[in-house]
Amino acid sequence: MPLFTDSKRKELLVRATEIVADEVPVIPLYFYSFSIAMPKDIVYLPRLDQFTLAYNARKAK
């Protein structure tokens, strides 16, 4: 016989996550940034996973 049902387990996990988010200080140690250079006649939407894919580039209007 399980000690907790799935719904009770989920409720407890949500509550524990809220407590940690409220009471544990977070100090960011690293900020990620990157730069992309391209000609003015090309439009490119950069990806956050750092893959540079040709199909994301298009000719500017």
PDB file of N, CA and C in Angstrom:
ATOM      1  N   MET A   1       0.846  -1.184   0.000  1.00  0.00           N
ATOM      2  CA  MET A   1       0.000   0.000   0.000  1.00  0.00           C
ATOM      3  C   MET A   1       0.896   1.254   0.000  1.00  0.00           C
ATOM      4  N   PRO A   2       0.714   2.152  -0.973  1.00  0.00           N
ATOM      5  CA  PRO A   2       1.569   3.340  -1.047  1.00  0.00           C
ATOM      6  C   PRO A   2       1.278   4.314   0.095  1.00  0.00           C
ATOM      7  N   LEU A   3       2.335   5.008   0.544  1.00  0.00           N
ATOM      8  CA  LEU A   3       2.163   5.989   1.612  1.00  0.00           C
ATOM      9  C   LEU A   3       1.409   7.226   1.127  1.00  0.00           C
ATOM     10  N   PHE A   4       1.660   7.627  -0.138  1.00  0.00           N
ATOM     11  CA  PHE A   4       1.009   8.802  -0.695  1.00  0.00           C
ATOM     12  C   PHE A   4       0.415   8.463  -2.053  1.00  0.00           C
ATOM     13  N   THR A   5      -0.680   9.112  -2.370  1.00  0.00           N
ATOM     14  CA  THR A   5      -1.240   8.990  -3.714  1.00  0.00           C
ATOM     15  C   THR A   5      -0.450   9.910  -4.639  1.00  0.00           C
ATOM     16  N   ASP A   6      -0.636   9.738  -5.928  1.00  0.00           N
ATOM     17  CA  ASP A   6       0.076  10.595  -6.891  1.00  0.00           C
ATOM     18  C   ASP A   6      -0.296  12.059  -6.703  1.00  0.00           C
ATOM     19  N   SER A   7      -1.580  12.332  -6.440  1.00  0.00           N
ATOM     20  CA  SER A   7      -2.002  13.727  -6.269  1.00  0.00           C
ATOM     21  C   SER A   7      -1.397  14.331  -4.998  1.00  0.00           C
ATOM     22  N   LYS A   8      -1.320  13.565  -3.921  1.00  0.00           N
ATOM     23  CA  LYS A   8      -0.718  14.050  -2.681  1.00  0.00           C
ATOM     24  C   LYS A   8       0.795  14.270  -2.870  1.00  0.00           C
ATOM     25  N   ARG A   9       1.449  13.366  -3.596  1.00  0.00           N
ATOM     26  CA  ARG A   9       2.877  13.491  -3.869  1.00  0.00           C
ATOM     27  C   ARG A   9       3.148  14.762  -4.683  1.00  0.00           C
ATOM     28  N   LYS A  10       2.295  15.011  -5.676  1.00  0.00           N
ATOM     29  CA  LYS A  10       2.453  16.211  -6.495  1.00  0.00           C
ATOM     30  C   LYS A  10       2.251  17.471  -5.641  1.00  0.00           C
ATOM     31  N   GLU A  11       1.248  17.453  -4.788  1.00  0.00           N
ATOM     32  CA  GLU A  11       0.969  18.586  -3.907  1.00  0.00           C
ATOM     33  C   GLU A  11       2.176  18.881  -2.998  1.00  0.00           C
ATOM     34  N   LEU A  12       2.773  17.831  -2.434  1.00  0.00           N
ATOM     35  CA  LEU A  12       3.934  18.007  -1.568  1.00  0.00           C
ATOM     36  C   LEU A  12       5.153  18.517  -2.346  1.00  0.00           C
ATOM     37  N   LEU A  13       5.330  18.036  -3.572  1.00  0.00           N
ATOM     38  CA  LEU A  13       6.441  18.497  -4.406  1.00  0.00           C
ATOM     39  C   LEU A  13       6.282  19.973  -4.759  1.00  0.00           C
ATOM     40  N   VAL A  14       5.070  20.382  -5.095  1.00  0.00           N
ATOM     41  CA  VAL A  14       4.808  21.792  -5.416  1.00  0.00           C
ATOM     42  C   VAL A  14       5.108  22.658  -4.194  1.00  0.00           C
ATOM     43  N   ARG A  15       4.661  22.214  -3.033  1.00  0.00           N
ATOM     44  CA  ARG A  15       4.899  22.984  -1.802  1.00  0.00           C
ATOM     45  C   ARG A  15       6.398  23.063  -1.478  1.00  0.00           C
ATOM     46  N   ALA A  16       7.117  21.964  -1.621  1.00  0.00           N
ATOM     47  CA  ALA A  16       8.559  21.966  -1.360  1.00  0.00           C
ATOM     48  C   ALA A  16       9.276  22.896  -2.326  1.00  0.00           C
ATOM     49  N   THR A  17       8.861  22.906  -3.584  1.00  0.00           N
ATOM     50  CA  THR A  17       9.466  23.793  -4.583  1.00  0.00           C
ATOM     51  C   THR A  17       9.216  25.256  -4.223  1.00  0.00           C
ATOM     52  N   GLU A  18       8.008  25.560  -3.759  1.00  0.00           N
ATOM     53  CA  GLU A  18       7.690  26.930  -3.349  1.00  0.00           C
ATOM     54  C   GLU A  18       8.560  27.363  -2.168  1.00  0.00           C
ATOM     55  N   ILE A  19       8.743  26.480  -1.197  1.00  0.00           N
ATOM     56  CA  ILE A  19       9.573  26.805  -0.028  1.00  0.00           C
ATOM     57  C   ILE A  19      11.003  27.085  -0.458  1.00  0.00           C
ATOM     58  N   VAL A  20      11.563  26.241  -1.297  1.00  0.00           N
ATOM     59  CA  VAL A  20      12.938  26.441  -1.766  1.00  0.00           C
ATOM     60  C   VAL A  20      13.052  27.753  -2.538  1.00  0.00           C
ATOM     61  N   ALA A  21      12.092  28.027  -3.432  1.00  0.00           N
ATOM     62  CA  ALA A  21      12.143  29.253  -4.232  1.00  0.00           C
ATOM     63  C   ALA A  21      12.043  30.497  -3.349  1.00  0.00           C
ATOM     64  N   ASP A  22      11.276  30.420  -2.260  1.00  0.00           N
ATOM     65  CA  ASP A  22      11.089  31.576  -1.385  1.00  0.00           C
ATOM     66  C   ASP A  22      12.242  31.767  -0.403  1.00  0.00           C
ATOM     67  N   GLU A  23      12.846  30.682   0.066  1.00  0.00           N
ATOM     68  CA  GLU A  23      13.754  30.781   1.198  1.00  0.00           C
ATOM     69  C   GLU A  23      15.236  30.553   0.882  1.00  0.00           C
ATOM     70  N   VAL A  24      15.551  30.037  -0.277  1.00  0.00           N
ATOM     71  CA  VAL A  24      16.951  29.769  -0.593  1.00  0.00           C
ATOM     72  C   VAL A  24      17.465  30.879  -1.509  1.00  0.00           C
ATOM     73  N   PRO A  25      18.474  31.633  -1.047  1.00  0.00           N
ATOM     74  CA  PRO A  25      18.992  32.700  -1.898  1.00  0.00           C
ATOM     75  C   PRO A  25      19.736  32.134  -3.111  1.00  0.00           C
ATOM     76  N   VAL A  26      19.612  32.829  -4.216  1.00  0.00           N
ATOM     77  CA  VAL A  26      20.286  32.421  -5.447  1.00  0.00           C
ATOM     78  C   VAL A  26      21.179  33.566  -5.895  1.00  0.00           C
ATOM     79  N   ILE A  27      22.437  33.259  -6.117  1.00  0.00           N
ATOM     80  CA  ILE A  27      23.379  34.253  -6.621  1.00  0.00           C
ATOM     81  C   ILE A  27      23.885  33.762  -7.974  1.00  0.00           C
ATOM     82  N   PRO A  28      23.477  34.425  -9.050  1.00  0.00           N
ATOM     83  CA  PRO A  28      23.968  34.001 -10.368  1.00  0.00           C
ATOM     84  C   PRO A  28      25.477  34.191 -10.457  1.00  0.00           C
ATOM     85  N   LEU A  29      26.165  33.163 -10.880  1.00  0.00           N
ATOM     86  CA  LEU A  29      27.618  33.226 -10.980  1.00  0.00           C
ATOM     87  C   LEU A  29      28.096  33.411 -12.411  1.00  0.00           C
ATOM     88  N   TYR A  30      27.199  33.232 -13.362  1.00  0.00           N
ATOM     89  CA  TYR A  30      27.611  33.272 -14.762  1.00  0.00           C
ATOM     90  C   TYR A  30      26.450  33.792 -15.602  1.00  0.00           C
ATOM     91  N   PHE A  31      26.746  34.759 -16.464  1.00  0.00           N
ATOM     92  CA  PHE A  31      25.757  35.263 -17.406  1.00  0.00           C
ATOM     93  C   PHE A  31      26.254  34.956 -18.807  1.00  0.00           C
ATOM     94  N   TYR A  32      25.476  34.226 -19.556  1.00  0.00           N
ATOM     95  CA  TYR A  32      25.873  33.825 -20.902  1.00  0.00           C
ATOM     96  C   TYR A  32      25.428  34.875 -21.905  1.00  0.00           C
ATOM     97  N   SER A  33      26.319  35.267 -22.793  1.00  0.00           N
ATOM     98  CA  SER A  33      25.951  36.155 -23.892  1.00  0.00           C
ATOM     99  C   SER A  33      26.829  35.823 -25.094  1.00  0.00           C
ATOM    100  N   PHE A  34      26.325  36.116 -26.268  1.00  0.00           N
ATOM    101  CA  PHE A  34      27.111  35.902 -27.477  1.00  0.00           C
ATOM    102  C   PHE A  34      26.754  36.966 -28.495  1.00  0.00           C
ATOM    103  N   SER A  35      27.659  37.202 -29.420  1.00  0.00           N
ATOM    104  CA  SER A  35      27.470  38.215 -30.457  1.00  0.00           C
ATOM    105  C   SER A  35      27.504  37.556 -31.826  1.00  0.00           C
ATOM    106  N   ILE A  36      26.709  38.106 -32.726  1.00  0.00           N
ATOM    107  CA  ILE A  36      26.670  37.605 -34.097  1.00  0.00           C
ATOM    108  C   ILE A  36      26.807  38.805 -35.028  1.00  0.00           C
ATOM    109  N   ALA A  37      27.725  38.715 -35.973  1.00  0.00           N
ATOM    110  CA  ALA A  37      27.904  39.775 -36.960  1.00  0.00           C
ATOM    111  C   ALA A  37      27.506  39.244 -38.330  1.00  0.00           C
ATOM    112  N   MET A  38      26.824  40.093 -39.118  1.00  0.00           N
ATOM    113  CA  MET A  38      26.405  39.695 -40.461  1.00  0.00           C
ATOM    114  C   MET A  38      26.160  40.934 -41.305  1.00  0.00           C
ATOM    115  N   PRO A  39      26.126  40.770 -42.620  1.00  0.00           N
ATOM    116  CA  PRO A  39      25.844  41.924 -43.492  1.00  0.00           C
ATOM    117  C   PRO A  39      24.423  42.448 -43.258  1.00  0.00           C
ATOM    118  N   LYS A  40      24.192  43.699 -43.595  1.00  0.00           N
ATOM    119  CA  LYS A  40      22.883  44.318 -43.389  1.00  0.00           C
ATOM    120  C   LYS A  40      21.792  43.701 -44.250  1.00  0.00           C
ATOM    121  N   ASP A  41      22.158  43.050 -45.360  1.00  0.00           N
ATOM    122  CA  ASP A  41      21.128  42.484 -46.236  1.00  0.00           C
ATOM    123  C   ASP A  41      20.725  41.056 -45.832  1.00  0.00           C
ATOM    124  N   ILE A  42      21.227  40.562 -44.715  1.00  0.00           N
ATOM    125  CA  ILE A  42      20.864  39.241 -44.192  1.00  0.00           C
ATOM    126  C   ILE A  42      20.185  39.408 -42.837  1.00  0.00           C
ATOM    127  N   VAL A  43      19.072  38.720 -42.643  1.00  0.00           N
ATOM    128  CA  VAL A  43      18.370  38.718 -41.358  1.00  0.00           C
ATOM    129  C   VAL A  43      18.531  37.330 -40.767  1.00  0.00           C
ATOM    130  N   TYR A  44      18.948  37.269 -39.522  1.00  0.00           N
ATOM    131  CA  TYR A  44      19.167  35.983 -38.872  1.00  0.00           C
ATOM    132  C   TYR A  44      18.659  36.048 -37.441  1.00  0.00           C
ATOM    133  N   LEU A  45      17.840  35.101 -37.062  1.00  0.00           N
ATOM    134  CA  LEU A  45      17.361  35.000 -35.698  1.00  0.00           C
ATOM    135  C   LEU A  45      18.238  33.989 -34.960  1.00  0.00           C
ATOM    136  N   PRO A  46      19.070  34.453 -34.042  1.00  0.00           N
ATOM    137  CA  PRO A  46      19.998  33.529 -33.368  1.00  0.00           C
ATOM    138  C   PRO A  46      19.263  32.538 -32.475  1.00  0.00           C
ATOM    139  N   ARG A  47      19.887  31.393 -32.291  1.00  0.00           N
ATOM    140  CA  ARG A  47      19.328  30.339 -31.448  1.00  0.00           C
ATOM    141  C   ARG A  47      20.058  30.336 -30.109  1.00  0.00           C
ATOM    142  N   LEU A  48      19.351  29.988 -29.051  1.00  0.00           N
ATOM    143  CA  LEU A  48      19.962  29.963 -27.724  1.00  0.00           C
ATOM    144  C   LEU A  48      20.857  28.750 -27.512  1.00  0.00           C
ATOM    145  N   ASP A  49      20.726  27.731 -28.357  1.00  0.00           N
ATOM    146  CA  ASP A  49      21.569  26.541 -28.200  1.00  0.00           C
ATOM    147  C   ASP A  49      22.889  26.664 -28.962  1.00  0.00           C
ATOM    148  N   GLN A  50      23.178  27.824 -29.528  1.00  0.00           N
ATOM    149  CA  GLN A  50      24.421  28.164 -30.229  1.00  0.00           C
ATOM    150  C   GLN A  50      24.588  27.490 -31.588  1.00  0.00           C
ATOM    151  N   PHE A  51      23.611  26.764 -32.064  1.00  0.00           N
ATOM    152  CA  PHE A  51      23.714  26.210 -33.408  1.00  0.00           C
ATOM    153  C   PHE A  51      23.427  27.321 -34.410  1.00  0.00           C
ATOM    154  N   THR A  52      24.280  27.465 -35.400  1.00  0.00           N
ATOM    155  CA  THR A  52      24.063  28.428 -36.467  1.00  0.00           C
ATOM    156  C   THR A  52      23.629  27.641 -37.695  1.00  0.00           C
ATOM    157  N   LEU A  53      22.342  27.730 -38.000  1.00  0.00           N
ATOM    158  CA  LEU A  53      21.783  26.952 -39.096  1.00  0.00           C
ATOM    159  C   LEU A  53      21.424  27.872 -40.251  1.00  0.00           C
ATOM    160  N   ALA A  54      21.793  27.470 -41.447  1.00  0.00           N
ATOM    161  CA  ALA A  54      21.594  28.317 -42.627  1.00  0.00           C
ATOM    162  C   ALA A  54      20.118  28.610 -42.882  1.00  0.00           C
ATOM    163  N   TYR A  55      19.232  27.683 -42.559  1.00  0.00           N
ATOM    164  CA  TYR A  55      17.820  27.926 -42.859  1.00  0.00           C
ATOM    165  C   TYR A  55      17.202  28.974 -41.926  1.00  0.00           C
ATOM    166  N   ASN A  56      17.919  29.421 -40.903  1.00  0.00           N
ATOM    167  CA  ASN A  56      17.433  30.505 -40.044  1.00  0.00           C
ATOM    168  C   ASN A  56      17.791  31.876 -40.618  1.00  0.00           C
ATOM    169  N   ALA A  57      18.592  31.922 -41.663  1.00  0.00           N
ATOM    170  CA  ALA A  57      18.982  33.180 -42.282  1.00  0.00           C
ATOM    171  C   ALA A  57      18.142  33.417 -43.527  1.00  0.00           C
ATOM    172  N   ARG A  58      17.826  34.685 -43.761  1.00  0.00           N
ATOM    173  CA  ARG A  58      17.078  35.034 -44.966  1.00  0.00           C
ATOM    174  C   ARG A  58      17.506  36.428 -45.427  1.00  0.00           C
ATOM    175  N   LYS A  59      17.169  36.732 -46.665  1.00  0.00           N
ATOM    176  CA  LYS A  59      17.512  38.030 -47.246  1.00  0.00           C
ATOM    177  C   LYS A  59      16.583  39.094 -46.654  1.00  0.00           C
ATOM    178  N   ALA A  60      17.139  40.233 -46.283  1.00  0.00           N
ATOM    179  CA  ALA A  60      16.345  41.325 -45.709  1.00  0.00           C
ATOM    180  C   ALA A  60      15.434  41.928 -46.775  1.00  0.00           C
ATOM    181  N   LYS A  61      14.321  42.452 -46.337  1.00  0.00           N
ATOM    182  CA  LYS A  61      13.363  43.070 -47.268  1.00  0.00           C
ATOM    183  C   LYS A  61      13.753  44.475 -47.614  1.00  0.00           C
TER     184      LYS A  61
END
